[in-house]
């Protein structure tokens, strides 16, 4: 399998990705816990069927110390006892924020209020931003059919 476009060798794509990566760096430097950021990226990528990002964020999370059990249970987080209440709130917001077109009202007030119980304003900004950014990456990779499986942890810095 080969990608339809080479995002890593096209000058315009490189400019666009540099800006998205810059926004991602701001989020990664925020006070939103790194584990939460990776769980959010993984869950959105699973929902969107993005193999490249699912591979990347599973490997990055594992390299950062995330347990295999938690990584295996992200897709079934509602039934899993291994996530904190804050992580569960973030995963719910991720699902609703990723599936906006599937819900008549978008993200519910209940999901927002639950996230706001666990995260301060800066962390909420980071959480909403990481959800938006991973969805952008998922769409880029799905549209061009970026192959999955070869990613090495930390490959992109």
Protein backbone atom coordinates (compact mmCIF):
# COMPACT_ATOMS: atom_id res chain seq x y z
CA UNK A 1 0.00 0.00 0.00
CA UNK A 2 1.27 3.45 -0.89
CA UNK A 3 -0.12 6.85 0.02
CA UNK A 4 -1.89 8.78 -2.72
CA UNK A 5 0.30 11.81 -1.93
CA UNK A 6 3.65 12.20 -0.24
CA UNK A 7 2.90 14.67 2.54
CA UNK A 8 6.52 14.47 3.69
CA UNK A 9 8.03 15.41 0.34
CA UNK A 10 5.70 18.11 -0.91
CA UNK A 11 6.69 21.72 -0.13
CA UNK A 12 3.11 22.94 0.35
CA UNK A 13 2.22 19.96 2.54
CA UNK A 14 5.35 20.57 4.61
CA UNK A 15 4.28 24.18 5.25
CA UNK A 16 0.78 23.14 6.26
CA UNK A 17 2.03 20.35 8.53
CA UNK A 18 4.55 22.70 10.14
CA UNK A 19 1.68 24.95 11.25
CA UNK A 20 -0.43 22.06 12.53
CA UNK A 21 2.63 20.68 14.34
CA UNK A 22 3.24 24.10 15.92
CA UNK A 23 -0.29 24.08 17.31
CA UNK A 24 0.27 20.53 18.54
CA UNK A 25 3.44 21.62 20.35
CA UNK A 26 1.47 24.30 22.21
CA UNK A 27 -0.98 21.62 23.36
CA UNK A 28 1.76 19.17 24.34
CA UNK A 29 3.42 21.91 26.42
CA UNK A 30 0.14 22.68 28.22
CA UNK A 31 -0.93 21.42 31.63
CA UNK A 32 -3.28 18.83 30.11
CA UNK A 33 -1.76 15.51 31.21
CA UNK A 34 0.27 13.78 28.51
CA UNK A 35 -1.51 10.48 29.14
CA UNK A 36 -4.86 12.18 28.51
CA UNK A 37 -3.54 13.74 25.31
CA UNK A 38 -2.43 10.35 23.98
CA UNK A 39 -5.67 8.61 24.98
CA UNK A 40 -7.65 11.32 23.18
CA UNK A 41 -5.51 11.03 20.04
CA UNK A 42 -5.84 7.27 20.06
CA UNK A 43 -9.62 7.25 20.57
CA UNK A 44 -10.33 9.82 17.85
CA UNK A 45 -8.03 7.93 15.48
CA UNK A 46 -9.88 4.67 16.18
CA UNK A 47 -13.25 6.31 15.53
CA UNK A 48 -12.02 7.85 12.29
CA UNK A 49 -10.39 4.63 11.10
CA UNK A 50 -6.98 6.28 10.78
CA UNK A 51 -4.50 3.42 10.88
CA UNK A 52 -1.45 5.68 10.68
CA UNK A 53 -2.47 7.77 13.71
CA UNK A 54 -3.71 4.74 15.65
CA UNK A 55 -0.31 3.11 15.13
CA UNK A 56 1.56 6.31 16.01
CA UNK A 57 -0.31 7.17 19.18
CA UNK A 58 -0.39 3.61 20.48
CA UNK A 59 3.38 3.42 20.10
CA UNK A 60 4.05 6.91 21.47
CA UNK A 61 1.83 6.25 24.49
CA UNK A 62 3.54 2.93 25.18
CA UNK A 63 6.97 4.55 24.86
CA UNK A 64 5.85 7.19 27.38
CA UNK A 65 4.94 4.45 29.86
CA UNK A 66 1.26 3.81 29.13
CA UNK A 67 0.23 0.25 29.94
CA UNK A 68 -0.80 -2.25 27.31
CA UNK A 69 -4.00 -2.93 29.24
CA UNK A 70 -5.13 0.70 29.07
CA UNK A 71 -4.19 0.98 25.40
CA UNK A 72 -6.16 -2.17 24.55
CA UNK A 73 -9.19 -0.87 26.43
CA UNK A 74 -9.41 2.64 24.95
CA UNK A 75 -11.98 1.50 22.37
CA UNK A 76 -14.13 0.09 25.20
CA UNK A 77 -13.40 2.77 27.81
CA UNK A 78 -16.98 2.91 29.11
CA UNK A 79 -16.77 -0.67 30.37
CA UNK A 80 -13.14 -0.47 31.55
CA UNK A 81 -12.16 0.25 35.15
CA UNK A 82 -8.65 1.40 34.28
CA UNK A 83 -9.42 5.04 33.44
CA UNK A 84 -9.84 7.92 35.87
CA UNK A 85 -13.03 9.98 35.95
CA UNK A 86 -11.12 12.84 34.30
CA UNK A 87 -9.88 10.58 31.49
CA UNK A 88 -13.37 9.24 31.00
CA UNK A 89 -14.70 12.79 30.68
CA UNK A 90 -11.99 13.57 28.12
CA UNK A 91 -12.77 10.41 26.16
CA UNK A 92 -16.50 11.27 26.11
CA UNK A 93 -15.74 14.78 24.87
CA UNK A 94 -13.44 13.27 22.26
CA UNK A 95 -16.10 10.91 20.98
CA UNK A 96 -18.76 13.60 20.79
CA UNK A 97 -16.34 16.13 19.29
CA UNK A 98 -15.22 13.61 16.69
CA UNK A 99 -18.73 12.45 15.80
CA UNK A 100 -20.26 15.92 15.45
CA UNK A 101 -22.11 14.99 12.26
CA UNK A 102 -23.69 11.98 13.98
CA UNK A 103 -25.39 14.07 16.69
CA UNK A 104 -28.05 16.66 16.05
CA UNK A 105 -26.74 19.00 18.73
CA UNK A 106 -23.02 18.29 18.55
CA UNK A 107 -21.32 18.06 21.94
CA UNK A 108 -23.86 17.86 24.76
CA UNK A 109 -23.95 20.26 27.69
CA UNK A 110 -23.62 17.23 29.96
CA UNK A 111 -20.37 16.08 28.33
CA UNK A 112 -18.99 19.62 28.50
CA UNK A 113 -19.97 20.09 32.14
CA UNK A 114 -18.39 16.76 33.05
CA UNK A 115 -15.11 17.73 31.38
CA UNK A 116 -15.23 21.14 33.08
CA UNK A 117 -15.46 19.42 36.48
CA UNK A 118 -12.07 17.82 35.89
CA UNK A 119 -10.11 20.35 33.86
CA UNK A 120 -9.42 24.06 34.33
CA UNK A 121 -9.91 26.56 31.51
CA UNK A 122 -6.38 26.18 30.10
CA UNK A 123 -6.71 22.41 30.10
CA UNK A 124 -10.12 22.65 28.42
CA UNK A 125 -8.60 24.81 25.68
CA UNK A 126 -5.85 22.20 25.26
CA UNK A 127 -8.38 19.34 25.29
CA UNK A 128 -10.61 20.92 22.66
CA UNK A 129 -7.53 21.78 20.59
CA UNK A 130 -6.03 18.29 20.71
CA UNK A 131 -9.40 16.85 19.64
CA UNK A 132 -9.55 19.28 16.70
CA UNK A 133 -5.91 18.70 15.72
CA UNK A 134 -6.07 14.90 15.76
CA UNK A 135 -9.25 15.01 13.71
CA UNK A 136 -7.43 17.17 11.14
CA UNK A 137 -4.53 14.71 11.03
CA UNK A 138 -6.91 11.76 10.77
CA UNK A 139 -8.64 13.33 7.81
CA UNK A 140 -5.39 14.10 6.01
CA UNK A 141 -4.12 10.56 6.49
CA UNK A 142 -7.41 8.84 5.63
CA UNK A 143 -7.94 10.87 2.46
CA UNK A 144 -4.47 10.07 1.13
CA UNK A 145 -4.54 6.49 2.52
CA UNK A 146 -1.33 6.88 4.52
CA UNK A 147 -0.16 3.33 5.32
CA UNK A 148 0.22 2.26 8.94
CA UNK A 149 2.66 0.05 10.78
CA UNK A 150 6.10 1.52 10.18
CA UNK A 151 5.99 4.37 12.66
CA UNK A 152 8.75 4.48 15.28
CA UNK A 153 8.10 6.24 18.61
CA UNK A 154 9.30 9.84 18.50
CA UNK A 155 9.84 9.68 14.74
CA UNK A 156 8.51 13.19 14.19
CA UNK A 157 10.27 14.76 17.14
